[in-house]
């Protein structure tokens, strides 16, 4: 919780959902270079591990809080 990550090229267009499930509405797509901070998780649902994030940079959409399936190829830890 509190760690900051950036979306990688492999994470381009990943669904950012309102709930930690595939049936959760897609709030927006995430894009390479978007920065996120972990707010909550992990949550196990639909056979996946989900984390709640807040988009920090690169977003003008509301809401800025949503859930994403864990996939290490989609995220890179940011140290700034």
C-alpha atoms as a PDB file:
ATOM      1  CA  UNK A   1       0.000   0.000   0.000  1.00  0.00           C
ATOM      2  CA  UNK A   2       1.337   3.418  -0.975  1.00  0.00           C
ATOM      3  CA  UNK A   3       3.841   2.174  -3.573  1.00  0.00           C
ATOM      4  CA  UNK A   4       3.884   4.003  -6.911  1.00  0.00           C
ATOM      5  CA  UNK A   5       3.928   2.188 -10.251  1.00  0.00           C
ATOM      6  CA  UNK A   6       4.001   3.244 -13.899  1.00  0.00           C
ATOM      7  CA  UNK A   7       2.164   1.439 -16.702  1.00  0.00           C
ATOM      8  CA  UNK A   8       4.536  -0.258 -19.163  1.00  0.00           C
ATOM      9  CA  UNK A   9       4.126  -0.768 -22.901  1.00  0.00           C
ATOM     10  CA  UNK A  10       2.685  -4.246 -22.152  1.00  0.00           C
ATOM     11  CA  UNK A  11       0.045  -2.585 -19.953  1.00  0.00           C
ATOM     12  CA  UNK A  12      -1.240  -0.261 -22.671  1.00  0.00           C
ATOM     13  CA  UNK A  13      -5.077  -0.260 -22.715  1.00  0.00           C
ATOM     14  CA  UNK A  14      -5.481  -2.335 -19.526  1.00  0.00           C
ATOM     15  CA  UNK A  15      -8.988  -2.006 -18.090  1.00  0.00           C
ATOM     16  CA  UNK A  16      -9.316   0.184 -14.981  1.00  0.00           C
ATOM     17  CA  UNK A  17     -12.479  -1.116 -13.254  1.00  0.00           C
ATOM     18  CA  UNK A  18     -14.803   0.205 -10.565  1.00  0.00           C
ATOM     19  CA  UNK A  19     -14.758  -3.123  -8.673  1.00  0.00           C
ATOM     20  CA  UNK A  20     -12.253  -5.993  -8.309  1.00  0.00           C
ATOM     21  CA  UNK A  21     -14.060  -8.301 -10.738  1.00  0.00           C
ATOM     22  CA  UNK A  22     -14.385  -8.766 -14.496  1.00  0.00           C
ATOM     23  CA  UNK A  23     -18.043  -7.750 -14.172  1.00  0.00           C
ATOM     24  CA  UNK A  24     -17.002  -4.367 -12.720  1.00  0.00           C
ATOM     25  CA  UNK A  25     -17.629  -1.464 -15.088  1.00  0.00           C
ATOM     26  CA  UNK A  26     -14.595  -0.264 -17.031  1.00  0.00           C
ATOM     27  CA  UNK A  27     -13.922   3.302 -15.902  1.00  0.00           C
ATOM     28  CA  UNK A  28     -11.225   3.891 -18.512  1.00  0.00           C
ATOM     29  CA  UNK A  29      -8.230   2.288 -20.186  1.00  0.00           C
ATOM     30  CA  UNK A  30      -4.776   2.790 -18.679  1.00  0.00           C
ATOM     31  CA  UNK A  31      -1.938   3.922 -20.913  1.00  0.00           C
ATOM     32  CA  UNK A  32       1.816   3.520 -20.982  1.00  0.00           C
ATOM     33  CA  UNK A  33       3.308   6.179 -18.732  1.00  0.00           C
ATOM     34  CA  UNK A  34       0.289   6.537 -16.411  1.00  0.00           C
ATOM     35  CA  UNK A  35       1.426   6.649 -12.777  1.00  0.00           C
ATOM     36  CA  UNK A  36      -0.590   4.908 -10.064  1.00  0.00           C
ATOM     37  CA  UNK A  37      -0.394   4.480  -6.333  1.00  0.00           C
ATOM     38  CA  UNK A  38      -1.670   1.338  -4.584  1.00  0.00           C
ATOM     39  CA  UNK A  39      -4.573   2.037  -2.231  1.00  0.00           C
ATOM     40  CA  UNK A  40      -5.853  -1.444  -1.357  1.00  0.00           C
ATOM     41  CA  UNK A  41      -5.495  -5.132  -2.071  1.00  0.00           C
ATOM     42  CA  UNK A  42      -4.832  -7.779  -2.803  1.00  0.00           C
ATOM     43  CA  UNK A  43      -8.376  -9.033  -3.392  1.00  0.00           C
ATOM     44  CA  UNK A  44      -8.985 -12.471  -4.912  1.00  0.00           C
ATOM     45  CA  UNK A  45     -11.895 -12.624  -7.386  1.00  0.00           C
ATOM     46  CA  UNK A  46     -12.650 -14.310 -10.710  1.00  0.00           C
ATOM     47  CA  UNK A  47      -9.521 -16.442 -10.295  1.00  0.00           C
ATOM     48  CA  UNK A  48      -7.323 -13.323 -10.305  1.00  0.00           C
ATOM     49  CA  UNK A  49      -5.528 -11.077  -7.827  1.00  0.00           C
ATOM     50  CA  UNK A  50      -6.741  -7.460  -7.941  1.00  0.00           C
ATOM     51  CA  UNK A  51      -5.227  -4.214  -6.615  1.00  0.00           C
ATOM     52  CA  UNK A  52      -6.911  -0.869  -6.100  1.00  0.00           C
ATOM     53  CA  UNK A  53      -5.029   2.111  -7.539  1.00  0.00           C
ATOM     54  CA  UNK A  54      -5.346   5.856  -7.817  1.00  0.00           C
ATOM     55  CA  UNK A  55      -4.194   7.374 -11.109  1.00  0.00           C
ATOM     56  CA  UNK A  56      -1.679  10.125 -10.309  1.00  0.00           C
ATOM     57  CA  UNK A  57      -0.464  11.453 -13.671  1.00  0.00           C
ATOM     58  CA  UNK A  58      -1.757  11.339 -17.214  1.00  0.00           C
ATOM     59  CA  UNK A  59      -5.432  11.293 -16.340  1.00  0.00           C
ATOM     60  CA  UNK A  60      -8.163  13.884 -16.533  1.00  0.00           C
ATOM     61  CA  UNK A  61     -10.915  11.336 -16.024  1.00  0.00           C
ATOM     62  CA  UNK A  62     -13.145  10.898 -12.958  1.00  0.00           C
ATOM     63  CA  UNK A  63     -13.131   8.837 -10.876  1.00  0.00           C
ATOM     64  CA  UNK A  64      -9.404   8.348 -10.501  1.00  0.00           C
ATOM     65  CA  UNK A  65      -9.699   5.285  -8.249  1.00  0.00           C
ATOM     66  CA  UNK A  66     -10.168   1.801  -9.683  1.00  0.00           C
ATOM     67  CA  UNK A  67      -9.063  -1.834  -9.747  1.00  0.00           C
ATOM     68  CA  UNK A  68      -6.647  -3.734 -12.010  1.00  0.00           C
ATOM     69  CA  UNK A  69      -5.713  -7.406 -12.283  1.00  0.00           C
ATOM     70  CA  UNK A  70      -2.191  -8.170 -11.067  1.00  0.00           C
ATOM     71  CA  UNK A  71       0.198  -8.735 -13.959  1.00  0.00           C
ATOM     72  CA  UNK A  72       3.870  -7.914 -13.441  1.00  0.00           C
ATOM     73  CA  UNK A  73       4.378  -7.245 -17.152  1.00  0.00           C
ATOM     74  CA  UNK A  74       1.910  -4.312 -17.012  1.00  0.00           C
ATOM     75  CA  UNK A  75       3.567  -2.370 -14.174  1.00  0.00           C
ATOM     76  CA  UNK A  76       7.013  -1.125 -13.260  1.00  0.00           C
ATOM     77  CA  UNK A  77       7.837   0.255  -9.813  1.00  0.00           C
ATOM     78  CA  UNK A  78       8.553   3.965  -9.790  1.00  0.00           C
ATOM     79  CA  UNK A  79      11.077   5.390  -7.373  1.00  0.00           C
ATOM     80  CA  UNK A  80      10.247   9.099  -7.665  1.00  0.00           C
END
